[in-house]
Amino acid sequence: LVGGKAGDLRETNLETMASRKGSLKQKTERFDTNINKRGSVQKTSKKEKPFTVGPVVLAFFLFVVVGSSLLQIIRQAQSGQMMG
């Protein structure tokens, strides 16, 4: 081994294995608690936001879209052009 001893490598492997066993144990416990709750477990753990766009932004967007379409209709009516 370059820059280390075989004992150091063995200790690192033992630490890694111990942490894996701990995380595996946590996952097993989580599964064991959920298995008894069949049918009543939430489908997702993520919480959904009811509105992704605020009402002020939505009102501004509608104002711009409806206002621009009304201005376009008025301009076409004043110039006497028909669509087509």
PDB file of N, CA and C in Angstrom:
ATOM      1  N   LEU A   1       0.827  -1.188   0.000  1.00  0.00           N
ATOM      2  CA  LEU A   1       0.000   0.000   0.000  1.00  0.00           C
ATOM      3  C   LEU A   1       0.870   1.249   0.000  1.00  0.00           C
ATOM      4  N   VAL A   2       0.448   2.238  -0.692  1.00  0.00           N
ATOM      5  CA  VAL A   2       1.220   3.465  -0.793  1.00  0.00           C
ATOM      6  C   VAL A   2       0.683   4.454   0.238  1.00  0.00           C
ATOM      7  N   GLY A   3       1.567   4.926   1.110  1.00  0.00           N
ATOM      8  CA  GLY A   3       1.192   5.969   2.056  1.00  0.00           C
ATOM      9  C   GLY A   3       0.357   5.482   3.222  1.00  0.00           C
ATOM     10  N   GLY A   4       0.215   4.217   3.451  1.00  0.00           N
ATOM     11  CA  GLY A   4      -0.600   3.758   4.569  1.00  0.00           C
ATOM     12  C   GLY A   4      -0.291   2.330   4.924  1.00  0.00           C
ATOM     13  N   LYS A   5      -0.938   1.852   5.957  1.00  0.00           N
ATOM     14  CA  LYS A   5      -0.712   0.500   6.414  1.00  0.00           C
ATOM     15  C   LYS A   5      -1.954  -0.329   6.154  1.00  0.00           C
ATOM     16  N   ALA A   6      -1.781  -1.618   6.181  1.00  0.00           N
ATOM     17  CA  ALA A   6      -2.911  -2.523   5.968  1.00  0.00           C
ATOM     18  C   ALA A   6      -3.919  -2.387   7.092  1.00  0.00           C
ATOM     19  N   GLY A   7      -3.478  -2.068   8.308  1.00  0.00           N
ATOM     20  CA  GLY A   7      -4.380  -1.901   9.450  1.00  0.00           C
ATOM     21  C   GLY A   7      -5.318  -0.715   9.259  1.00  0.00           C
ATOM     22  N   ASP A   8      -4.801   0.365   8.647  1.00  0.00           N
ATOM     23  CA  ASP A   8      -5.623   1.540   8.387  1.00  0.00           C
ATOM     24  C   ASP A   8      -6.763   1.202   7.428  1.00  0.00           C
ATOM     25  N   LEU A   9      -6.431   0.430   6.413  1.00  0.00           N
ATOM     26  CA  LEU A   9      -7.437   0.038   5.428  1.00  0.00           C
ATOM     27  C   LEU A   9      -8.496  -0.841   6.067  1.00  0.00           C
ATOM     28  N   ARG A  10      -8.068  -1.749   6.935  1.00  0.00           N
ATOM     29  CA  ARG A  10      -8.996  -2.649   7.596  1.00  0.00           C
ATOM     30  C   ARG A  10      -9.941  -1.863   8.514  1.00  0.00           C
ATOM     31  N   GLU A  11      -9.420  -0.864   9.235  1.00  0.00           N
ATOM     32  CA  GLU A  11     -10.245  -0.044  10.117  1.00  0.00           C
ATOM     33  C   GLU A  11     -11.264   0.753   9.318  1.00  0.00           C
ATOM     34  N   THR A  12     -10.848   1.269   8.177  1.00  0.00           N
ATOM     35  CA  THR A  12     -11.764   2.023   7.320  1.00  0.00           C
ATOM     36  C   THR A  12     -12.881   1.121   6.823  1.00  0.00           C
ATOM     37  N   ASN A  13     -12.557  -0.097   6.431  1.00  0.00           N
ATOM     38  CA  ASN A  13     -13.581  -1.031   5.973  1.00  0.00           C
ATOM     39  C   ASN A  13     -14.554  -1.372   7.090  1.00  0.00           C
ATOM     40  N   LEU A  14     -14.066  -1.547   8.304  1.00  0.00           N
ATOM     41  CA  LEU A  14     -14.941  -1.854   9.433  1.00  0.00           C
ATOM     42  C   LEU A  14     -15.876  -0.693   9.735  1.00  0.00           C
ATOM     43  N   GLU A  15     -15.353   0.533   9.651  1.00  0.00           N
ATOM     44  CA  GLU A  15     -16.193   1.707   9.880  1.00  0.00           C
ATOM     45  C   GLU A  15     -17.273   1.821   8.820  1.00  0.00           C
ATOM     46  N   THR A  16     -16.917   1.560   7.571  1.00  0.00           N
ATOM     47  CA  THR A  16     -17.878   1.623   6.478  1.00  0.00           C
ATOM     48  C   THR A  16     -18.956   0.560   6.652  1.00  0.00           C
ATOM     49  N   MET A  17     -18.557  -0.626   7.016  1.00  0.00           N
ATOM     50  CA  MET A  17     -19.520  -1.709   7.216  1.00  0.00           C
ATOM     51  C   MET A  17     -20.447  -1.400   8.382  1.00  0.00           C
ATOM     52  N   ALA A  18     -19.917  -0.806   9.449  1.00  0.00           N
ATOM     53  CA  ALA A  18     -20.741  -0.460  10.602  1.00  0.00           C
ATOM     54  C   ALA A  18     -21.780   0.593  10.227  1.00  0.00           C
ATOM     55  N   SER A  19     -21.379   1.584   9.428  1.00  0.00           N
ATOM     56  CA  SER A  19     -22.337   2.618   9.036  1.00  0.00           C
ATOM     57  C   SER A  19     -23.381   2.050   8.088  1.00  0.00           C
ATOM     58  N   ARG A  20     -23.010   1.122   7.240  1.00  0.00           N
ATOM     59  CA  ARG A  20     -23.983   0.484   6.350  1.00  0.00           C
ATOM     60  C   ARG A  20     -24.990  -0.327   7.141  1.00  0.00           C
ATOM     61  N   LYS A  21     -24.513  -1.035   8.164  1.00  0.00           N
ATOM     62  CA  LYS A  21     -25.423  -1.832   8.992  1.00  0.00           C
ATOM     63  C   LYS A  21     -26.406  -0.932   9.719  1.00  0.00           C
ATOM     64  N   GLY A  22     -25.930   0.236  10.169  1.00  0.00           N
ATOM     65  CA  GLY A  22     -26.812   1.178  10.854  1.00  0.00           C
ATOM     66  C   GLY A  22     -27.887   1.712   9.930  1.00  0.00           C
ATOM     67  N   SER A  23     -27.503   2.078   8.713  1.00  0.00           N
ATOM     68  CA  SER A  23     -28.500   2.605   7.783  1.00  0.00           C
ATOM     69  C   SER A  23     -29.451   1.502   7.335  1.00  0.00           C
ATOM     70  N   LEU A  24     -28.939   0.284   7.189  1.00  0.00           N
ATOM     71  CA  LEU A  24     -29.795  -0.840   6.820  1.00  0.00           C
ATOM     72  C   LEU A  24     -30.793  -1.126   7.934  1.00  0.00           C
ATOM     73  N   LYS A  25     -30.351  -1.009   9.159  1.00  0.00           N
ATOM     74  CA  LYS A  25     -31.237  -1.239  10.297  1.00  0.00           C
ATOM     75  C   LYS A  25     -32.341  -0.183  10.334  1.00  0.00           C
ATOM     76  N   GLN A  26     -31.999   1.074  10.043  1.00  0.00           N
ATOM     77  CA  GLN A  26     -32.998   2.136  10.017  1.00  0.00           C
ATOM     78  C   GLN A  26     -34.026   1.888   8.928  1.00  0.00           C
ATOM     79  N   LYS A  27     -33.575   1.465   7.752  1.00  0.00           N
ATOM     80  CA  LYS A  27     -34.499   1.191   6.654  1.00  0.00           C
ATOM     81  C   LYS A  27     -35.422   0.029   7.003  1.00  0.00           C
ATOM     82  N   THR A  28     -34.869  -0.993   7.661  1.00  0.00           N
ATOM     83  CA  THR A  28     -35.669  -2.144   8.047  1.00  0.00           C
ATOM     84  C   THR A  28     -36.728  -1.747   9.068  1.00  0.00           C
ATOM     85  N   GLU A  29     -36.342  -0.938  10.033  1.00  0.00           N
ATOM     86  CA  GLU A  29     -37.307  -0.482  11.037  1.00  0.00           C
ATOM     87  C   GLU A  29     -38.410   0.354  10.396  1.00  0.00           C
ATOM     88  N   ARG A  30     -38.061   1.219   9.456  1.00  0.00           N
ATOM     89  CA  ARG A  30     -39.054   2.035   8.760  1.00  0.00           C
ATOM     90  C   ARG A  30     -40.023   1.146   7.986  1.00  0.00           C
ATOM     91  N   PHE A  31     -39.511   0.115   7.339  1.00  0.00           N
ATOM     92  CA  PHE A  31     -40.361  -0.818   6.601  1.00  0.00           C
ATOM     93  C   PHE A  31     -41.271  -1.578   7.555  1.00  0.00           C
ATOM     94  N   ASP A  32     -40.719  -2.030   8.672  1.00  0.00           N
ATOM     95  CA  ASP A  32     -41.511  -2.790   9.630  1.00  0.00           C
ATOM     96  C   ASP A  32     -42.667  -1.978  10.196  1.00  0.00           C
ATOM     97  N   THR A  33     -42.463  -0.674  10.404  1.00  0.00           N
ATOM     98  CA  THR A  33     -43.556   0.147  10.922  1.00  0.00           C
ATOM     99  C   THR A  33     -44.606   0.397   9.842  1.00  0.00           C
ATOM    100  N   ASN A  34     -44.197   0.483   8.600  1.00  0.00           N
ATOM    101  CA  ASN A  34     -45.157   0.742   7.518  1.00  0.00           C
ATOM    102  C   ASN A  34     -45.933  -0.493   7.107  1.00  0.00           C
ATOM    103  N   ILE A  35     -45.375  -1.678   7.285  1.00  0.00           N
ATOM    104  CA  ILE A  35     -46.034  -2.884   6.798  1.00  0.00           C
ATOM    105  C   ILE A  35     -47.335  -3.143   7.549  1.00  0.00           C
ATOM    106  N   ASN A  36     -47.430  -2.667   8.773  1.00  0.00           N
ATOM    107  CA  ASN A  36     -48.647  -2.878   9.568  1.00  0.00           C
ATOM    108  C   ASN A  36     -49.719  -1.843   9.256  1.00  0.00           C
ATOM    109  N   LYS A  37     -49.398  -0.841   8.449  1.00  0.00           N
ATOM    110  CA  LYS A  37     -50.341   0.236   8.131  1.00  0.00           C
ATOM    111  C   LYS A  37     -50.861   0.120   6.705  1.00  0.00           C
ATOM    112  N   ARG A  38     -51.062  -1.067   6.220  1.00  0.00           N
ATOM    113  CA  ARG A  38     -51.494  -1.242   4.829  1.00  0.00           C
ATOM    114  C   ARG A  38     -52.780  -0.501   4.551  1.00  0.00           C
ATOM    115  N   GLY A  39     -52.784   0.224   3.458  1.00  0.00           N
ATOM    116  CA  GLY A  39     -53.972   0.961   3.036  1.00  0.00           C
ATOM    117  C   GLY A  39     -54.079   2.342   3.641  1.00  0.00           C
ATOM    118  N   SER A  40     -53.412   2.597   4.739  1.00  0.00           N
ATOM    119  CA  SER A  40     -53.508   3.916   5.358  1.00  0.00           C
ATOM    120  C   SER A  40     -52.207   4.705   5.265  1.00  0.00           C
ATOM    121  N   VAL A  41     -51.233   4.195   4.543  1.00  0.00           N
ATOM    122  CA  VAL A  41     -49.968   4.879   4.363  1.00  0.00           C
ATOM    123  C   VAL A  41     -50.119   5.902   3.246  1.00  0.00           C
ATOM    124  N   GLN A  42     -49.532   7.077   3.436  1.00  0.00           N
ATOM    125  CA  GLN A  42     -49.596   8.103   2.397  1.00  0.00           C
ATOM    126  C   GLN A  42     -48.904   7.612   1.137  1.00  0.00           C
ATOM    127  N   LYS A  43     -49.451   7.973  -0.013  1.00  0.00           N
ATOM    128  CA  LYS A  43     -48.842   7.552  -1.280  1.00  0.00           C
ATOM    129  C   LYS A  43     -47.530   8.267  -1.527  1.00  0.00           C
ATOM    130  N   THR A  44     -47.451   9.533  -1.173  1.00  0.00           N
ATOM    131  CA  THR A  44     -46.211  10.273  -1.337  1.00  0.00           C
ATOM    132  C   THR A  44     -45.908  11.009  -0.050  1.00  0.00           C
ATOM    133  N   SER A  45     -44.655  11.227   0.185  1.00  0.00           N
ATOM    134  CA  SER A  45     -44.262  11.979   1.372  1.00  0.00           C
ATOM    135  C   SER A  45     -44.100  13.465   1.051  1.00  0.00           C
ATOM    136  N   LYS A  46     -44.154  13.806  -0.239  1.00  0.00           N
ATOM    137  CA  LYS A  46     -44.019  15.199  -0.636  1.00  0.00           C
ATOM    138  C   LYS A  46     -45.357  15.912  -0.464  1.00  0.00           C
ATOM    139  N   LYS A  47     -45.309  17.114   0.056  1.00  0.00           N
ATOM    140  CA  LYS A  47     -46.521  17.901   0.215  1.00  0.00           C
ATOM    141  C   LYS A  47     -46.668  18.815  -0.996  1.00  0.00           C
ATOM    142  N   GLU A  48     -47.868  18.831  -1.544  1.00  0.00           N
ATOM    143  CA  GLU A  48     -48.123  19.639  -2.729  1.00  0.00           C
ATOM    144  C   GLU A  48     -48.562  21.036  -2.321  1.00  0.00           C
ATOM    145  N   LYS A  49     -48.115  22.010  -3.084  1.00  0.00           N
ATOM    146  CA  LYS A  49     -48.557  23.374  -2.858  1.00  0.00           C
ATOM    147  C   LYS A  49     -49.837  23.584  -3.650  1.00  0.00           C
ATOM    148  N   PRO A  50     -50.854  24.194  -3.051  1.00  0.00           N
ATOM    149  CA  PRO A  50     -52.110  24.369  -3.778  1.00  0.00           C
ATOM    150  C   PRO A  50     -51.996  25.336  -4.953  1.00  0.00           C
ATOM    151  N   PHE A  51     -51.235  26.411  -4.799  1.00  0.00           N
ATOM    152  CA  PHE A  51     -51.081  27.385  -5.871  1.00  0.00           C
ATOM    153  C   PHE A  51     -49.596  27.575  -6.144  1.00  0.00           C
ATOM    154  N   THR A  52     -49.201  27.359  -7.377  1.00  0.00           N
ATOM    155  CA  THR A  52     -47.803  27.596  -7.720  1.00  0.00           C
ATOM    156  C   THR A  52     -47.603  29.031  -8.200  1.00  0.00           C
ATOM    157  N   VAL A  53     -48.669  29.676  -8.674  1.00  0.00           N
ATOM    158  CA  VAL A  53     -48.607  31.071  -9.118  1.00  0.00           C
ATOM    159  C   VAL A  53     -49.513  31.875  -8.199  1.00  0.00           C
ATOM    160  N   GLY A  54     -49.014  32.980  -7.699  1.00  0.00           N
ATOM    161  CA  GLY A  54     -49.802  33.814  -6.799  1.00  0.00           C
ATOM    162  C   GLY A  54     -50.950  34.488  -7.521  1.00  0.00           C
ATOM    163  N   PRO A  55     -51.982  34.869  -6.791  1.00  0.00           N
ATOM    164  CA  PRO A  55     -53.145  35.505  -7.419  1.00  0.00           C
ATOM    165  C   PRO A  55     -52.817  36.853  -8.054  1.00  0.00           C
ATOM    166  N   VAL A  56     -51.859  37.584  -7.516  1.00  0.00           N
ATOM    167  CA  VAL A  56     -51.481  38.877  -8.089  1.00  0.00           C
ATOM    168  C   VAL A  56     -50.817  38.678  -9.450  1.00  0.00           C
ATOM    169  N   VAL A  57     -49.938  37.696  -9.553  1.00  0.00           N
ATOM    170  CA  VAL A  57     -49.260  37.418 -10.815  1.00  0.00           C
ATOM    171  C   VAL A  57     -50.273  36.949 -11.854  1.00  0.00           C
ATOM    172  N   LEU A  58     -51.203  36.109 -11.437  1.00  0.00           N
ATOM    173  CA  LEU A  58     -52.234  35.620 -12.352  1.00  0.00           C
ATOM    174  C   LEU A  58     -53.122  36.762 -12.842  1.00  0.00           C
ATOM    175  N   ALA A  59     -53.499  37.668 -11.938  1.00  0.00           N
ATOM    176  CA  ALA A  59     -54.322  38.816 -12.330  1.00  0.00           C
ATOM    177  C   ALA A  59     -53.562  39.715 -13.303  1.00  0.00           C
ATOM    178  N   PHE A  60     -52.291  39.947 -13.071  1.00  0.00           N
ATOM    179  CA  PHE A  60     -51.484  40.768 -13.976  1.00  0.00           C
ATOM    180  C   PHE A  60     -51.379  40.122 -15.354  1.00  0.00           C
ATOM    181  N   PHE A  61     -51.161  38.816 -15.384  1.00  0.00           N
ATOM    182  CA  PHE A  61     -51.069  38.102 -16.651  1.00  0.00           C
ATOM    183  C   PHE A  61     -52.383  38.207 -17.434  1.00  0.00           C
ATOM    184  N   LEU A  62     -53.495  38.002 -16.759  1.00  0.00           N
ATOM    185  CA  LEU A  62     -54.799  38.130 -17.432  1.00  0.00           C
ATOM    186  C   LEU A  62     -55.031  39.560 -17.924  1.00  0.00           C
ATOM    187  N   PHE A  63     -54.651  40.544 -17.139  1.00  0.00           N
ATOM    188  CA  PHE A  63     -54.800  41.939 -17.537  1.00  0.00           C
ATOM    189  C   PHE A  63     -54.019  42.225 -18.820  1.00  0.00           C
ATOM    190  N   VAL A  64     -52.796  41.740 -18.892  1.00  0.00           N
ATOM    191  CA  VAL A  64     -51.965  41.980 -20.072  1.00  0.00           C
ATOM    192  C   VAL A  64     -52.532  41.270 -21.291  1.00  0.00           C
ATOM    193  N   VAL A  65     -52.931  40.020 -21.142  1.00  0.00           N
ATOM    194  CA  VAL A  65     -53.432  39.245 -22.289  1.00  0.00           C
ATOM    195  C   VAL A  65     -54.755  39.806 -22.788  1.00  0.00           C
ATOM    196  N   VAL A  66     -55.692  40.012 -21.868  1.00  0.00           N
ATOM    197  CA  VAL A  66     -57.016  40.514 -22.281  1.00  0.00           C
ATOM    198  C   VAL A  66     -56.895  41.949 -22.798  1.00  0.00           C
ATOM    199  N   GLY A  67     -56.100  42.770 -22.147  1.00  0.00           N
ATOM    200  CA  GLY A  67     -55.940  44.157 -22.585  1.00  0.00           C
ATOM    201  C   GLY A  67     -55.318  44.252 -23.962  1.00  0.00           C
ATOM    202  N   SER A  68     -54.300  43.450 -24.231  1.00  0.00           N
ATOM    203  CA  SER A  68     -53.665  43.513 -25.545  1.00  0.00           C
ATOM    204  C   SER A  68     -54.599  43.005 -26.637  1.00  0.00           C
ATOM    205  N   SER A  69     -55.395  42.003 -26.326  1.00  0.00           N
ATOM    206  CA  SER A  69     -56.340  41.516 -27.352  1.00  0.00           C
ATOM    207  C   SER A  69     -57.426  42.549 -27.618  1.00  0.00           C
ATOM    208  N   LEU A  70     -57.884  43.227 -26.582  1.00  0.00           N
ATOM    209  CA  LEU A  70     -58.883  44.285 -26.797  1.00  0.00           C
ATOM    210  C   LEU A  70     -58.304  45.438 -27.615  1.00  0.00           C
ATOM    211  N   LEU A  71     -57.076  45.821 -27.329  1.00  0.00           N
ATOM    212  CA  LEU A  71     -56.449  46.887 -28.117  1.00  0.00           C
ATOM    213  C   LEU A  71     -56.279  46.482 -29.576  1.00  0.00           C
ATOM    214  N   GLN A  72     -55.944  45.244 -29.812  1.00  0.00           N
ATOM    215  CA  GLN A  72     -55.790  44.753 -31.183  1.00  0.00           C
ATOM    216  C   GLN A  72     -57.137  44.792 -31.919  1.00  0.00           C
ATOM    217  N   ILE A  73     -58.206  44.411 -31.254  1.00  0.00           N
ATOM    218  CA  ILE A  73     -59.542  44.441 -31.874  1.00  0.00           C
ATOM    219  C   ILE A  73     -59.943  45.876 -32.192  1.00  0.00           C
ATOM    220  N   ILE A  74     -59.678  46.783 -31.272  1.00  0.00           N
ATOM    221  CA  ILE A  74     -60.032  48.193 -31.496  1.00  0.00           C
ATOM    222  C   ILE A  74     -59.225  48.762 -32.659  1.00  0.00           C
ATOM    223  N   ARG A  75     -57.932  48.462 -32.740  1.00  0.00           N
ATOM    224  CA  ARG A  75     -57.104  48.954 -33.853  1.00  0.00           C
ATOM    225  C   ARG A  75     -57.604  48.440 -35.200  1.00  0.00           C
ATOM    226  N   GLN A  76     -57.940  47.159 -35.243  1.00  0.00           N
ATOM    227  CA  GLN A  76     -58.438  46.598 -36.508  1.00  0.00           C
ATOM    228  C   GLN A  76     -59.783  47.191 -36.904  1.00  0.00           C
ATOM    229  N   ALA A  77     -60.628  47.454 -35.916  1.00  0.00           N
ATOM    230  CA  ALA A  77     -61.949  48.051 -36.209  1.00  0.00           C
ATOM    231  C   ALA A  77     -61.779  49.478 -36.718  1.00  0.00           C
ATOM    232  N   GLN A  78     -60.842  50.230 -36.185  1.00  0.00           N
ATOM    233  CA  GLN A  78     -60.626  51.612 -36.624  1.00  0.00           C
ATOM    234  C   GLN A  78     -60.014  51.667 -38.009  1.00  0.00           C
ATOM    235  N   SER A  79     -59.155  50.729 -38.352  1.00  0.00           N
ATOM    236  CA  SER A  79     -58.526  50.771 -39.653  1.00  0.00           C
ATOM    237  C   SER A  79     -59.415  50.163 -40.740  1.00  0.00           C
ATOM    238  N   GLY A  80     -60.442  49.442 -40.344  1.00  0.00           N
ATOM    239  CA  GLY A  80     -61.398  48.901 -41.307  1.00  0.00           C
ATOM    240  C   GLY A  80     -60.902  47.621 -41.987  1.00  0.00           C
ATOM    241  N   GLN A  81     -59.890  46.995 -41.466  1.00  0.00           N
ATOM    242  CA  GLN A  81     -59.397  45.755 -42.068  1.00  0.00           C
ATOM    243  C   GLN A  81     -60.147  44.569 -41.512  1.00  0.00           C
ATOM    244  N   MET A  82     -60.421  43.620 -42.389  1.00  0.00           N
ATOM    245  CA  MET A  82     -61.048  42.370 -41.969  1.00  0.00           C
ATOM    246  C   MET A  82     -59.968  41.302 -41.862  1.00  0.00           C
ATOM    247  N   MET A  83     -60.164  40.375 -40.981  1.00  0.00           N
ATOM    248  CA  MET A  83     -59.184  39.290 -40.823  1.00  0.00           C
ATOM    249  C   MET A  83     -59.347  38.307 -41.987  1.00  0.00           C
ATOM    250  N   GLY A  84     -58.242  37.735 -42.396  1.00  0.00           N
ATOM    251  CA  GLY A  84     -58.338  36.691 -43.396  1.00  0.00           C
ATOM    252  C   GLY A  84     -57.400  36.780 -44.503  1.00  0.00           C
TER     253      GLY A  84
END
